[in-house]
Amino acid sequence: METMLTREQVREVDRIAIEEYGVSGLVLMENAGRNAACVILDEYAAGDDAPSLAIVIFCGTGNNGGDGFVIARHLSNAGAAVRIALCGEEARLTPDAAENHKICQAMGIGMTPPGSTEIGPGEVVIDALLGTGFAGKVREATARVIERINSVPKRGTVAIDVPSGLDCDTGMPSSATVIADITVTFVAGKVGFQSESARRFVGRLHVADIGAPPRIVDRVRGV
């Protein structure tokens, strides 16, 4: 049976990797973002098509947004036309996310004006707004972005780790939930993805590695 983890198990995998193995959060974020970028290129830029790929990445201020910044860097390096829409105040970025945001700025990756929800019909939308820690109701400003992502014409939508607004434990959508064509989740699938209510939001599922030793996953699952 495919491995599925709960929210708390995912947090424990990160904790053990960082505290007991000495793998920094930045390294975990780098691995996650790089491998997610590879999936996106495989799906939308076959062969040497990356220069024709247009991407807009909606990033929250947490580590899910940090993953989005790493993805932006690697897609830009591959030749894609990338722009970032930061949904929230820069001052609220988590430390690891802030580091990757600075790198994106130094690289000259395009940043949309605060509050912009512009999406071009030929763009692939990357949802890096809310991660596995989300539960409850989506805040109004983020809900507006999600509703925009779902409603406008675009080439496709890729959710990072979990579609924003979906509870990764229960699989229940919130007041606003991203409808993804593809979800690139990290380490393992999430238990909520097995729910019938989650399927239309998750789309096709890819599991990407973050560089945490596999024995950690076995440990948190009690195997």
N, C-alpha and C. Protein backbone atom coordinates (compact mmCIF):
# COMPACT_ATOMS: atom_id res chain seq x y z
N MET A 1 0.84 -1.19 0.00
CA MET A 1 0.00 0.00 0.00
C MET A 1 0.88 1.25 0.00
N GLU A 2 0.48 2.27 -0.76
CA GLU A 2 1.23 3.51 -0.84
C GLU A 2 1.31 4.18 0.53
N THR A 3 2.50 4.70 0.85
CA THR A 3 2.70 5.37 2.14
C THR A 3 1.93 6.69 2.19
N MET A 4 1.19 6.89 3.27
CA MET A 4 0.47 8.12 3.51
C MET A 4 0.81 8.62 4.91
N LEU A 5 1.01 9.93 5.05
CA LEU A 5 1.38 10.51 6.33
C LEU A 5 0.35 11.55 6.78
N THR A 6 0.25 11.70 8.08
CA THR A 6 -0.59 12.76 8.66
C THR A 6 0.23 14.05 8.76
N ARG A 7 -0.45 15.12 9.10
CA ARG A 7 0.21 16.41 9.31
C ARG A 7 1.30 16.30 10.38
N GLU A 8 0.98 15.67 11.49
CA GLU A 8 1.94 15.55 12.58
C GLU A 8 3.12 14.67 12.19
N GLN A 9 2.88 13.62 11.41
CA GLN A 9 3.98 12.76 10.97
C GLN A 9 4.92 13.51 10.03
N VAL A 10 4.37 14.35 9.17
CA VAL A 10 5.21 15.17 8.28
C VAL A 10 6.08 16.11 9.10
N ARG A 11 5.50 16.74 10.11
CA ARG A 11 6.28 17.63 10.96
C ARG A 11 7.39 16.87 11.68
N GLU A 12 7.08 15.66 12.09
CA GLU A 12 8.08 14.85 12.80
C GLU A 12 9.21 14.43 11.87
N VAL A 13 8.91 14.13 10.62
CA VAL A 13 9.96 13.81 9.65
C VAL A 13 10.92 15.00 9.54
N ASP A 14 10.37 16.20 9.39
CA ASP A 14 11.22 17.39 9.30
C ASP A 14 12.04 17.58 10.57
N ARG A 15 11.39 17.42 11.72
CA ARG A 15 12.09 17.63 13.00
C ARG A 15 13.26 16.68 13.14
N ILE A 16 13.03 15.41 12.87
CA ILE A 16 14.10 14.42 13.03
C ILE A 16 15.23 14.69 12.05
N ALA A 17 14.89 15.00 10.80
CA ALA A 17 15.92 15.28 9.80
C ALA A 17 16.79 16.45 10.22
N ILE A 18 16.17 17.48 10.78
CA ILE A 18 16.90 18.68 11.17
C ILE A 18 17.67 18.48 12.48
N GLU A 19 16.98 17.98 13.50
CA GLU A 19 17.58 17.92 14.83
C GLU A 19 18.50 16.72 15.04
N GLU A 20 18.17 15.58 14.45
CA GLU A 20 18.96 14.38 14.71
C GLU A 20 19.96 14.05 13.60
N TYR A 21 19.65 14.44 12.37
CA TYR A 21 20.54 14.15 11.24
C TYR A 21 21.33 15.37 10.79
N GLY A 22 20.94 16.55 11.27
CA GLY A 22 21.68 17.74 10.91
C GLY A 22 21.44 18.26 9.51
N VAL A 23 20.31 17.83 8.91
CA VAL A 23 19.94 18.35 7.59
C VAL A 23 19.17 19.65 7.81
N SER A 24 19.71 20.75 7.38
CA SER A 24 19.08 22.04 7.68
C SER A 24 17.75 22.19 6.96
N GLY A 25 16.91 23.05 7.51
CA GLY A 25 15.64 23.34 6.86
C GLY A 25 15.83 23.90 5.47
N LEU A 26 16.89 24.70 5.28
CA LEU A 26 17.17 25.24 3.95
C LEU A 26 17.50 24.15 2.95
N VAL A 27 18.23 23.12 3.40
CA VAL A 27 18.55 22.01 2.50
C VAL A 27 17.29 21.23 2.14
N LEU A 28 16.44 20.98 3.13
CA LEU A 28 15.19 20.29 2.85
C LEU A 28 14.33 21.09 1.86
N MET A 29 14.26 22.40 2.06
CA MET A 29 13.49 23.26 1.17
C MET A 29 14.08 23.26 -0.24
N GLU A 30 15.40 23.32 -0.31
CA GLU A 30 16.06 23.30 -1.62
C GLU A 30 15.76 22.02 -2.37
N ASN A 31 15.87 20.88 -1.69
CA ASN A 31 15.59 19.60 -2.34
C ASN A 31 14.15 19.51 -2.80
N ALA A 32 13.23 19.95 -1.93
CA ALA A 32 11.81 19.91 -2.27
C ALA A 32 11.52 20.76 -3.50
N GLY A 33 12.00 21.99 -3.49
CA GLY A 33 11.72 22.89 -4.60
C GLY A 33 12.37 22.45 -5.90
N ARG A 34 13.60 21.98 -5.82
CA ARG A 34 14.29 21.52 -7.03
C ARG A 34 13.57 20.33 -7.65
N ASN A 35 13.16 19.37 -6.82
CA ASN A 35 12.49 18.19 -7.36
C ASN A 35 11.10 18.52 -7.87
N ALA A 36 10.41 19.47 -7.23
CA ALA A 36 9.11 19.90 -7.74
C ALA A 36 9.28 20.58 -9.10
N ALA A 37 10.33 21.39 -9.24
CA ALA A 37 10.59 22.05 -10.52
C ALA A 37 10.83 21.03 -11.63
N CYS A 38 11.51 19.94 -11.29
CA CYS A 38 11.75 18.88 -12.29
C CYS A 38 10.43 18.28 -12.76
N VAL A 39 9.50 18.06 -11.83
CA VAL A 39 8.19 17.52 -12.21
C VAL A 39 7.47 18.50 -13.13
N ILE A 40 7.51 19.77 -12.79
CA ILE A 40 6.82 20.79 -13.60
C ILE A 40 7.41 20.84 -15.01
N LEU A 41 8.73 20.77 -15.12
CA LEU A 41 9.36 20.78 -16.44
C LEU A 41 8.99 19.52 -17.22
N ASP A 42 8.97 18.39 -16.56
CA ASP A 42 8.58 17.14 -17.24
C ASP A 42 7.15 17.21 -17.77
N GLU A 43 6.28 17.84 -17.00
CA GLU A 43 4.87 17.90 -17.36
C GLU A 43 4.57 18.94 -18.43
N TYR A 44 5.26 20.07 -18.39
CA TYR A 44 4.87 21.20 -19.24
C TYR A 44 5.93 21.67 -20.22
N ALA A 45 7.13 21.12 -20.16
CA ALA A 45 8.20 21.57 -21.07
C ALA A 45 8.98 20.36 -21.56
N ALA A 46 8.34 19.55 -22.38
CA ALA A 46 8.99 18.35 -22.92
C ALA A 46 10.21 18.76 -23.75
N GLY A 47 11.26 17.99 -23.65
CA GLY A 47 12.47 18.26 -24.42
C GLY A 47 13.12 19.56 -24.00
N ASP A 48 13.38 20.43 -24.98
CA ASP A 48 14.05 21.72 -24.71
C ASP A 48 13.07 22.88 -24.76
N ASP A 49 11.84 22.62 -24.35
CA ASP A 49 10.78 23.62 -24.47
C ASP A 49 10.72 24.62 -23.32
N ALA A 50 11.60 24.53 -22.34
CA ALA A 50 11.50 25.40 -21.16
C ALA A 50 11.44 26.88 -21.50
N PRO A 51 12.22 27.37 -22.50
CA PRO A 51 12.15 28.81 -22.80
C PRO A 51 10.77 29.29 -23.24
N SER A 52 9.90 28.39 -23.67
CA SER A 52 8.56 28.80 -24.07
C SER A 52 7.56 28.67 -22.93
N LEU A 53 8.04 28.29 -21.76
CA LEU A 53 7.17 28.05 -20.61
C LEU A 53 6.98 29.33 -19.80
N ALA A 54 5.72 29.73 -19.60
CA ALA A 54 5.40 30.91 -18.79
C ALA A 54 4.79 30.45 -17.47
N ILE A 55 5.33 30.95 -16.38
CA ILE A 55 4.96 30.48 -15.04
C ILE A 55 4.63 31.66 -14.13
N VAL A 56 3.55 31.55 -13.37
CA VAL A 56 3.32 32.49 -12.28
C VAL A 56 3.17 31.66 -11.01
N ILE A 57 3.93 32.04 -9.98
CA ILE A 57 3.95 31.30 -8.73
C ILE A 57 3.38 32.17 -7.63
N PHE A 58 2.25 31.74 -7.06
CA PHE A 58 1.63 32.45 -5.94
C PHE A 58 2.20 31.88 -4.65
N CYS A 59 2.92 32.71 -3.92
CA CYS A 59 3.64 32.26 -2.72
C CYS A 59 3.06 32.89 -1.46
N GLY A 60 2.83 32.04 -0.47
CA GLY A 60 2.48 32.54 0.85
C GLY A 60 3.73 32.92 1.61
N THR A 61 3.57 33.30 2.87
CA THR A 61 4.71 33.76 3.67
C THR A 61 5.35 32.64 4.51
N GLY A 62 4.78 31.44 4.47
CA GLY A 62 5.34 30.32 5.22
C GLY A 62 6.31 29.52 4.38
N ASN A 63 6.65 28.34 4.86
CA ASN A 63 7.63 27.51 4.15
C ASN A 63 7.10 26.96 2.84
N ASN A 64 5.78 26.87 2.68
CA ASN A 64 5.23 26.48 1.38
C ASN A 64 5.59 27.55 0.34
N GLY A 65 5.49 28.80 0.74
CA GLY A 65 5.94 29.88 -0.13
C GLY A 65 7.43 29.80 -0.41
N GLY A 66 8.19 29.39 0.62
CA GLY A 66 9.63 29.20 0.43
C GLY A 66 9.92 28.15 -0.63
N ASP A 67 9.16 27.06 -0.62
CA ASP A 67 9.30 26.06 -1.68
C ASP A 67 9.04 26.70 -3.04
N GLY A 68 8.04 27.58 -3.07
CA GLY A 68 7.72 28.27 -4.32
C GLY A 68 8.86 29.12 -4.83
N PHE A 69 9.58 29.80 -3.92
CA PHE A 69 10.73 30.60 -4.33
C PHE A 69 11.84 29.73 -4.92
N VAL A 70 12.07 28.57 -4.29
CA VAL A 70 13.08 27.64 -4.82
C VAL A 70 12.67 27.16 -6.21
N ILE A 71 11.40 26.83 -6.37
CA ILE A 71 10.89 26.40 -7.68
C ILE A 71 11.10 27.50 -8.71
N ALA A 72 10.82 28.75 -8.32
CA ALA A 72 11.01 29.87 -9.22
C ALA A 72 12.46 29.95 -9.70
N ARG A 73 13.39 29.79 -8.78
CA ARG A 73 14.81 29.85 -9.14
C ARG A 73 15.18 28.79 -10.16
N HIS A 74 14.76 27.55 -9.90
CA HIS A 74 15.17 26.46 -10.79
C HIS A 74 14.47 26.53 -12.14
N LEU A 75 13.23 26.95 -12.17
CA LEU A 75 12.54 27.11 -13.46
C LEU A 75 13.16 28.26 -14.25
N SER A 76 13.52 29.34 -13.58
CA SER A 76 14.18 30.45 -14.25
C SER A 76 15.53 30.00 -14.81
N ASN A 77 16.28 29.24 -14.03
CA ASN A 77 17.57 28.74 -14.50
C ASN A 77 17.41 27.85 -15.73
N ALA A 78 16.26 27.16 -15.83
CA ALA A 78 16.00 26.28 -16.97
C ALA A 78 15.56 27.06 -18.21
N GLY A 79 15.31 28.36 -18.04
CA GLY A 79 14.95 29.20 -19.17
C GLY A 79 13.50 29.62 -19.23
N ALA A 80 12.68 29.18 -18.27
CA ALA A 80 11.27 29.55 -18.27
C ALA A 80 11.10 31.02 -17.90
N ALA A 81 10.01 31.61 -18.38
CA ALA A 81 9.65 32.98 -18.00
C ALA A 81 8.84 32.89 -16.71
N VAL A 82 9.44 33.30 -15.60
CA VAL A 82 8.86 33.12 -14.27
C VAL A 82 8.57 34.46 -13.62
N ARG A 83 7.44 34.55 -12.98
CA ARG A 83 7.17 35.70 -12.12
C ARG A 83 6.53 35.21 -10.82
N ILE A 84 6.77 35.95 -9.77
CA ILE A 84 6.33 35.58 -8.42
C ILE A 84 5.29 36.58 -7.94
N ALA A 85 4.22 36.06 -7.37
CA ALA A 85 3.21 36.89 -6.71
C ALA A 85 3.24 36.55 -5.23
N LEU A 86 3.83 37.42 -4.42
CA LEU A 86 3.88 37.20 -2.98
C LEU A 86 2.57 37.64 -2.36
N CYS A 87 1.90 36.70 -1.72
CA CYS A 87 0.60 36.98 -1.11
C CYS A 87 0.78 37.15 0.39
N GLY A 88 1.09 38.34 0.79
CA GLY A 88 1.38 38.64 2.19
C GLY A 88 2.53 39.62 2.27
N GLU A 89 2.85 40.03 3.48
CA GLU A 89 3.91 41.00 3.69
C GLU A 89 5.27 40.32 3.74
N GLU A 90 6.23 40.92 3.07
CA GLU A 90 7.58 40.36 3.05
C GLU A 90 8.13 40.19 4.47
N ALA A 91 7.77 41.08 5.36
CA ALA A 91 8.27 41.02 6.74
C ALA A 91 7.77 39.78 7.47
N ARG A 92 6.73 39.14 6.98
CA ARG A 92 6.16 37.97 7.64
C ARG A 92 6.72 36.65 7.12
N LEU A 93 7.64 36.70 6.17
CA LEU A 93 8.23 35.48 5.64
C LEU A 93 8.97 34.71 6.74
N THR A 94 8.85 33.38 6.74
CA THR A 94 9.64 32.58 7.66
C THR A 94 11.12 32.73 7.29
N PRO A 95 12.04 32.44 8.20
CA PRO A 95 13.46 32.66 7.90
C PRO A 95 13.95 31.96 6.64
N ASP A 96 13.60 30.67 6.46
CA ASP A 96 14.07 29.96 5.27
C ASP A 96 13.43 30.50 4.00
N ALA A 97 12.15 30.85 4.08
CA ALA A 97 11.48 31.45 2.93
C ALA A 97 12.12 32.79 2.59
N ALA A 98 12.44 33.59 3.60
CA ALA A 98 13.04 34.90 3.38
C ALA A 98 14.39 34.78 2.66
N GLU A 99 15.18 33.78 3.03
CA GLU A 99 16.47 33.58 2.37
C GLU A 99 16.29 33.31 0.89
N ASN A 100 15.33 32.46 0.56
CA ASN A 100 15.11 32.13 -0.86
C ASN A 100 14.46 33.28 -1.62
N HIS A 101 13.65 34.08 -0.93
CA HIS A 101 13.08 35.26 -1.55
C HIS A 101 14.19 36.24 -1.93
N LYS A 102 15.17 36.41 -1.06
CA LYS A 102 16.30 37.30 -1.35
C LYS A 102 17.06 36.83 -2.58
N ILE A 103 17.25 35.52 -2.71
CA ILE A 103 17.97 34.99 -3.87
C ILE A 103 17.19 35.29 -5.15
N CYS A 104 15.87 35.10 -5.09
CA CYS A 104 15.04 35.40 -6.26
C CYS A 104 15.16 36.86 -6.66
N GLN A 105 15.18 37.74 -5.66
CA GLN A 105 15.35 39.17 -5.95
C GLN A 105 16.70 39.44 -6.58
N ALA A 106 17.75 38.82 -6.05
CA ALA A 106 19.10 39.01 -6.60
C ALA A 106 19.20 38.50 -8.03
N MET A 107 18.44 37.45 -8.35
CA MET A 107 18.43 36.89 -9.71
C MET A 107 17.63 37.75 -10.67
N GLY A 108 16.85 38.68 -10.15
CA GLY A 108 16.03 39.52 -11.02
C GLY A 108 14.77 38.85 -11.49
N ILE A 109 14.31 37.83 -10.78
CA ILE A 109 13.05 37.18 -11.14
C ILE A 109 11.91 38.17 -10.91
N GLY A 110 10.99 38.24 -11.84
CA GLY A 110 9.92 39.23 -11.77
C GLY A 110 9.03 39.05 -10.56
N MET A 111 8.72 40.16 -9.92
CA MET A 111 7.82 40.18 -8.77
C MET A 111 6.61 41.04 -9.12
N THR A 112 5.42 40.48 -9.03
CA THR A 112 4.23 41.25 -9.34
C THR A 112 3.94 42.23 -8.21
N PRO A 113 3.22 43.30 -8.49
CA PRO A 113 2.87 44.26 -7.43
C PRO A 113 2.05 43.57 -6.34
N PRO A 114 2.18 44.00 -5.09
CA PRO A 114 1.41 43.42 -3.99
C PRO A 114 -0.09 43.40 -4.29
N GLY A 115 -0.71 42.28 -4.04
CA GLY A 115 -2.14 42.16 -4.26
C GLY A 115 -2.55 41.76 -5.67
N SER A 116 -1.58 41.68 -6.59
CA SER A 116 -1.90 41.33 -7.97
C SER A 116 -2.35 39.87 -8.08
N THR A 117 -3.39 39.64 -8.85
CA THR A 117 -3.85 38.27 -9.11
C THR A 117 -3.89 38.00 -10.61
N GLU A 118 -3.07 38.74 -11.35
CA GLU A 118 -3.05 38.60 -12.81
C GLU A 118 -2.55 37.20 -13.20
N ILE A 119 -3.27 36.57 -14.12
CA ILE A 119 -2.89 35.26 -14.65
C ILE A 119 -3.12 35.29 -16.16
N GLY A 120 -2.09 34.97 -16.93
CA GLY A 120 -2.23 34.93 -18.38
C GLY A 120 -2.78 33.59 -18.84
N PRO A 121 -3.51 33.56 -19.97
CA PRO A 121 -4.13 32.32 -20.44
C PRO A 121 -3.13 31.23 -20.79
N GLY A 122 -1.89 31.60 -21.10
CA GLY A 122 -0.89 30.60 -21.44
C GLY A 122 0.03 30.24 -20.29
N GLU A 123 -0.23 30.79 -19.11
CA GLU A 123 0.65 30.55 -17.98
C GLU A 123 0.28 29.29 -17.20
N VAL A 124 1.29 28.64 -16.67
CA VAL A 124 1.08 27.58 -15.68
C VAL A 124 1.10 28.26 -14.31
N VAL A 125 0.07 28.01 -13.52
CA VAL A 125 -0.03 28.58 -12.18
C VAL A 125 0.52 27.59 -11.16
N ILE A 126 1.41 28.06 -10.33
CA ILE A 126 1.95 27.25 -9.23
C ILE A 126 1.36 27.76 -7.93
N ASP A 127 0.69 26.89 -7.21
CA ASP A 127 0.08 27.23 -5.93
C ASP A 127 1.03 26.87 -4.80
N ALA A 128 1.69 27.88 -4.23
CA ALA A 128 2.57 27.70 -3.07
C ALA A 128 2.11 28.62 -1.95
N LEU A 129 0.81 28.63 -1.73
CA LEU A 129 0.21 29.54 -0.76
C LEU A 129 0.16 28.95 0.65
N LEU A 130 -0.46 27.80 0.79
CA LEU A 130 -0.68 27.17 2.10
C LEU A 130 -0.21 25.73 2.06
N GLY A 131 0.44 25.29 3.10
CA GLY A 131 0.98 23.94 3.12
C GLY A 131 0.20 22.99 3.99
N THR A 132 0.89 21.96 4.48
CA THR A 132 0.23 20.92 5.27
C THR A 132 -0.24 21.42 6.62
N GLY A 133 0.31 22.54 7.09
CA GLY A 133 -0.11 23.07 8.38
C GLY A 133 -1.47 23.71 8.38
N PHE A 134 -2.03 23.95 7.19
CA PHE A 134 -3.32 24.64 7.13
C PHE A 134 -4.46 23.77 7.64
N ALA A 135 -5.35 24.39 8.42
CA ALA A 135 -6.62 23.79 8.84
C ALA A 135 -7.56 24.94 9.17
N GLY A 136 -8.84 24.73 8.94
CA GLY A 136 -9.81 25.77 9.30
C GLY A 136 -10.32 26.52 8.09
N LYS A 137 -10.34 27.84 8.19
CA LYS A 137 -10.90 28.70 7.14
C LYS A 137 -9.80 29.54 6.53
N VAL A 138 -9.83 29.66 5.20
CA VAL A 138 -8.84 30.47 4.50
C VAL A 138 -9.12 31.95 4.73
N ARG A 139 -8.07 32.71 5.00
CA ARG A 139 -8.23 34.15 5.19
C ARG A 139 -8.72 34.80 3.90
N GLU A 140 -9.41 35.92 4.08
CA GLU A 140 -10.10 36.55 2.95
C GLU A 140 -9.17 36.89 1.79
N ALA A 141 -8.01 37.48 2.08
CA ALA A 141 -7.10 37.88 1.01
C ALA A 141 -6.61 36.67 0.22
N THR A 142 -6.28 35.59 0.93
CA THR A 142 -5.83 34.38 0.25
C THR A 142 -6.98 33.72 -0.50
N ALA A 143 -8.17 33.77 0.07
CA ALA A 143 -9.35 33.20 -0.59
C ALA A 143 -9.59 33.87 -1.94
N ARG A 144 -9.37 35.18 -2.01
CA ARG A 144 -9.55 35.90 -3.28
C ARG A 144 -8.57 35.40 -4.34
N VAL A 145 -7.33 35.14 -3.92
CA VAL A 145 -6.33 34.62 -4.84
C VAL A 145 -6.74 33.24 -5.33
N ILE A 146 -7.17 32.38 -4.41
CA ILE A 146 -7.58 31.02 -4.77
C ILE A 146 -8.75 31.04 -5.74
N GLU A 147 -9.72 31.88 -5.47
CA GLU A 147 -10.88 31.97 -6.36
C GLU A 147 -10.46 32.44 -7.75
N ARG A 148 -9.48 33.34 -7.82
CA ARG A 148 -8.96 33.80 -9.10
C ARG A 148 -8.25 32.66 -9.83
N ILE A 149 -7.41 31.90 -9.12
CA ILE A 149 -6.71 30.78 -9.72
C ILE A 149 -7.71 29.80 -10.34
N ASN A 150 -8.79 29.54 -9.63
CA ASN A 150 -9.75 28.55 -10.10
C ASN A 150 -10.62 29.04 -11.26
N SER A 151 -10.76 30.35 -11.40
CA SER A 151 -11.78 30.85 -12.31
C SER A 151 -11.27 31.33 -13.66
N VAL A 152 -9.98 31.63 -13.79
CA VAL A 152 -9.52 32.23 -15.05
C VAL A 152 -8.87 31.18 -15.96
N PRO A 153 -8.89 31.42 -17.29
CA PRO A 153 -8.21 30.50 -18.22
C PRO A 153 -6.71 30.50 -17.99
N LYS A 154 -6.10 29.34 -18.09
CA LYS A 154 -4.66 29.19 -17.88
C LYS A 154 -4.23 27.87 -18.50
N ARG A 155 -2.94 27.64 -18.57
CA ARG A 155 -2.45 26.38 -19.15
C ARG A 155 -2.63 25.21 -18.19
N GLY A 156 -2.47 25.46 -16.92
CA GLY A 156 -2.61 24.41 -15.93
C GLY A 156 -2.32 24.94 -14.54
N THR A 157 -2.67 24.15 -13.52
CA THR A 157 -2.44 24.52 -12.13
C THR A 157 -1.71 23.40 -11.41
N VAL A 158 -0.61 23.74 -10.76
CA VAL A 158 0.17 22.77 -9.99
C VAL A 158 0.18 23.21 -8.53
N ALA A 159 -0.29 22.36 -7.65
CA ALA A 159 -0.26 22.63 -6.20
C ALA A 159 1.02 22.05 -5.61
N ILE A 160 1.62 22.79 -4.71
CA ILE A 160 2.85 22.35 -4.06
C ILE A 160 2.55 21.81 -2.66
N ASP A 161 2.84 20.54 -2.47
CA ASP A 161 2.63 19.75 -1.26
C ASP A 161 1.16 19.40 -1.03
N VAL A 162 0.29 20.42 -1.05
CA VAL A 162 -1.15 20.18 -0.87
C VAL A 162 -1.89 21.34 -1.53
N PRO A 163 -3.00 21.10 -2.20
CA PRO A 163 -3.76 22.23 -2.74
C PRO A 163 -4.17 23.17 -1.61
N SER A 164 -3.88 24.45 -1.77
CA SER A 164 -4.18 25.40 -0.71
C SER A 164 -5.67 25.41 -0.39
N GLY A 165 -5.97 25.31 0.92
CA GLY A 165 -7.35 25.25 1.38
C GLY A 165 -7.84 23.86 1.67
N LEU A 166 -7.05 22.84 1.29
CA LEU A 166 -7.44 21.45 1.57
C LEU A 166 -6.78 20.99 2.87
N ASP A 167 -7.57 20.42 3.77
CA ASP A 167 -7.02 19.86 5.01
C ASP A 167 -6.34 18.54 4.67
N CYS A 168 -5.03 18.46 4.90
CA CYS A 168 -4.29 17.27 4.46
C CYS A 168 -4.58 16.04 5.31
N ASP A 169 -5.21 16.22 6.48
CA ASP A 169 -5.57 15.07 7.31
C ASP A 169 -6.96 14.53 6.98
N THR A 170 -7.90 15.43 6.75
CA THR A 170 -9.29 15.00 6.52
C THR A 170 -9.66 14.92 5.05
N GLY A 171 -8.91 15.66 4.21
CA GLY A 171 -9.27 15.72 2.80
C GLY A 171 -10.45 16.62 2.51
N MET A 172 -10.87 17.41 3.51
CA MET A 172 -12.02 18.29 3.33
C MET A 172 -11.58 19.66 2.82
N PRO A 173 -12.26 20.20 1.80
CA PRO A 173 -11.95 21.53 1.32
C PRO A 173 -12.44 22.60 2.29
N SER A 174 -11.83 23.76 2.21
CA SER A 174 -12.21 24.87 3.08
C SER A 174 -13.12 25.84 2.32
N SER A 175 -13.20 27.06 2.83
CA SER A 175 -14.04 28.09 2.22
C SER A 175 -13.58 28.43 0.82
N ALA A 176 -12.30 28.25 0.53
CA ALA A 176 -11.73 28.40 -0.81
C ALA A 176 -10.60 27.40 -0.93
N THR A 177 -10.60 26.62 -2.01
CA THR A 177 -9.61 25.55 -2.15
C THR A 177 -9.15 25.48 -3.61
N VAL A 178 -7.85 25.43 -3.82
CA VAL A 178 -7.30 25.36 -5.17
C VAL A 178 -7.67 24.02 -5.82
N ILE A 179 -8.15 24.10 -7.05
CA ILE A 179 -8.42 22.90 -7.85
C ILE A 179 -7.21 22.70 -8.75
N ALA A 180 -6.39 21.71 -8.41
CA ALA A 180 -5.13 21.49 -9.12
C ALA A 180 -5.27 20.42 -10.20
N ASP A 181 -4.52 20.61 -11.27
CA ASP A 181 -4.38 19.54 -12.26
C ASP A 181 -3.37 18.51 -11.77
N ILE A 182 -2.35 19.02 -11.08
CA ILE A 182 -1.27 18.19 -10.56
C ILE A 182 -0.94 18.68 -9.16
N THR A 183 -0.71 17.75 -8.24
CA THR A 183 -0.17 18.09 -6.92
C THR A 183 1.18 17.42 -6.77
N VAL A 184 2.21 18.21 -6.47
CA VAL A 184 3.53 17.67 -6.16
C VAL A 184 3.67 17.71 -4.65
N THR A 185 3.56 16.56 -4.02
CA THR A 185 3.64 16.51 -2.56
C THR A 185 5.01 15.96 -2.15
N PHE A 186 5.39 16.21 -0.91
CA PHE A 186 6.75 15.88 -0.47
C PHE A 186 6.77 14.73 0.53
N VAL A 187 7.78 13.90 0.40
CA VAL A 187 8.08 12.75 1.27
C VAL A 187 7.12 11.59 0.99
N ALA A 188 5.82 11.84 1.11
CA ALA A 188 4.80 10.80 0.92
C ALA A 188 3.46 11.48 0.69
N GLY A 189 2.49 10.71 0.20
CA GLY A 189 1.14 11.22 0.11
C GLY A 189 0.59 11.56 1.48
N LYS A 190 -0.45 12.34 1.52
CA LYS A 190 -1.07 12.73 2.79
C LYS A 190 -2.38 11.97 2.96
N VAL A 191 -2.69 11.58 4.19
CA VAL A 191 -3.82 10.69 4.43
C VAL A 191 -5.13 11.25 3.87
N GLY A 192 -5.28 12.57 3.91
CA GLY A 192 -6.50 13.17 3.42
C GLY A 192 -6.70 13.02 1.92
N PHE A 193 -5.61 12.77 1.18
CA PHE A 193 -5.72 12.63 -0.27
C PHE A 193 -6.53 11.40 -0.67
N GLN A 194 -6.67 10.47 0.26
CA GLN A 194 -7.43 9.25 -0.04
C GLN A 194 -8.94 9.48 0.02
N SER A 195 -9.34 10.60 0.58
CA SER A 195 -10.76 10.91 0.73
C SER A 195 -11.39 11.25 -0.61
N GLU A 196 -12.61 10.80 -0.80
CA GLU A 196 -13.35 11.13 -2.02
C GLU A 196 -13.47 12.63 -2.21
N SER A 197 -13.61 13.37 -1.09
CA SER A 197 -13.78 14.82 -1.16
C SER A 197 -12.53 15.53 -1.67
N ALA A 198 -11.36 14.87 -1.59
CA ALA A 198 -10.10 15.53 -1.97
C ALA A 198 -9.76 15.36 -3.45
N ARG A 199 -10.33 14.36 -4.09
CA ARG A 199 -9.84 13.96 -5.41
C ARG A 199 -9.91 15.05 -6.46
N ARG A 200 -11.00 15.80 -6.50
CA ARG A 200 -11.13 16.82 -7.55
C ARG A 200 -10.17 17.98 -7.34
N PHE A 201 -9.64 18.13 -6.13
CA PHE A 201 -8.70 19.21 -5.84
C PHE A 201 -7.26 18.79 -6.06
N VAL A 202 -6.94 17.53 -5.79
CA VAL A 202 -5.56 17.05 -5.86
C VAL A 202 -5.11 16.83 -7.31
N GLY A 203 -6.00 16.32 -8.15
CA GLY A 203 -5.61 15.98 -9.52
C GLY A 203 -4.64 14.81 -9.53
N ARG A 204 -3.70 14.84 -10.47
CA ARG A 204 -2.69 13.77 -10.53
C ARG A 204 -1.61 14.04 -9.49
N LEU A 205 -1.25 13.00 -8.76
CA LEU A 205 -0.33 13.15 -7.63
C LEU A 205 1.07 12.68 -7.98
N HIS A 206 2.06 13.54 -7.68
CA HIS A 206 3.47 13.17 -7.76
C HIS A 206 4.07 13.31 -6.36
N VAL A 207 4.90 12.36 -5.96
CA VAL A 207 5.60 12.44 -4.68
C VAL A 207 7.06 12.77 -4.96
N ALA A 208 7.56 13.85 -4.34
CA ALA A 208 8.93 14.30 -4.55
C ALA A 208 9.75 14.15 -3.28
N ASP A 209 11.01 13.85 -3.45
CA ASP A 209 11.94 13.64 -2.34
C ASP A 209 12.44 14.97 -1.78
N ILE A 210 12.71 15.02 -0.47
CA ILE A 210 13.30 16.22 0.13
C ILE A 210 14.69 15.93 0.72
N GLY A 211 15.17 14.71 0.54
CA GLY A 211 16.50 14.38 1.05
C GLY A 211 16.53 13.86 2.47
N ALA A 212 15.37 13.60 3.06
CA ALA A 212 15.33 13.00 4.40
C ALA A 212 15.52 11.48 4.27
N PRO A 213 16.38 10.87 5.06
CA PRO A 213 16.60 9.43 4.97
C PRO A 213 15.28 8.66 5.09
N PRO A 214 15.05 7.66 4.23
CA PRO A 214 13.79 6.90 4.26
C PRO A 214 13.49 6.26 5.61
N ARG A 215 14.54 5.94 6.37
CA ARG A 215 14.31 5.30 7.67
C ARG A 215 13.52 6.21 8.62
N ILE A 216 13.58 7.53 8.38
CA ILE A 216 12.82 8.45 9.22
C ILE A 216 11.33 8.24 9.00
N VAL A 217 10.92 8.06 7.75
CA VAL A 217 9.51 7.82 7.45
C VAL A 217 9.04 6.53 8.12
N ASP A 218 9.87 5.48 8.03
CA ASP A 218 9.50 4.22 8.68
C ASP A 218 9.34 4.42 10.20
N ARG A 219 10.23 5.22 10.74
CA ARG A 219 10.21 5.46 12.19
C ARG A 219 8.92 6.17 12.61
N VAL A 220 8.54 7.24 11.90
CA VAL A 220 7.34 7.99 12.32
C VAL A 220 6.08 7.18 12.08
N ARG A 221 6.15 6.23 11.17
CA ARG A 221 4.98 5.36 10.92
C ARG A 221 4.96 4.16 11.87
N GLY A 222 6.02 4.00 12.66
CA GLY A 222 6.08 2.88 13.59
C GLY A 222 6.37 1.56 12.93
N VAL A 223 7.03 1.59 11.76
CA VAL A 223 7.34 0.35 11.03
C VAL A 223 8.60 -0.27 11.59
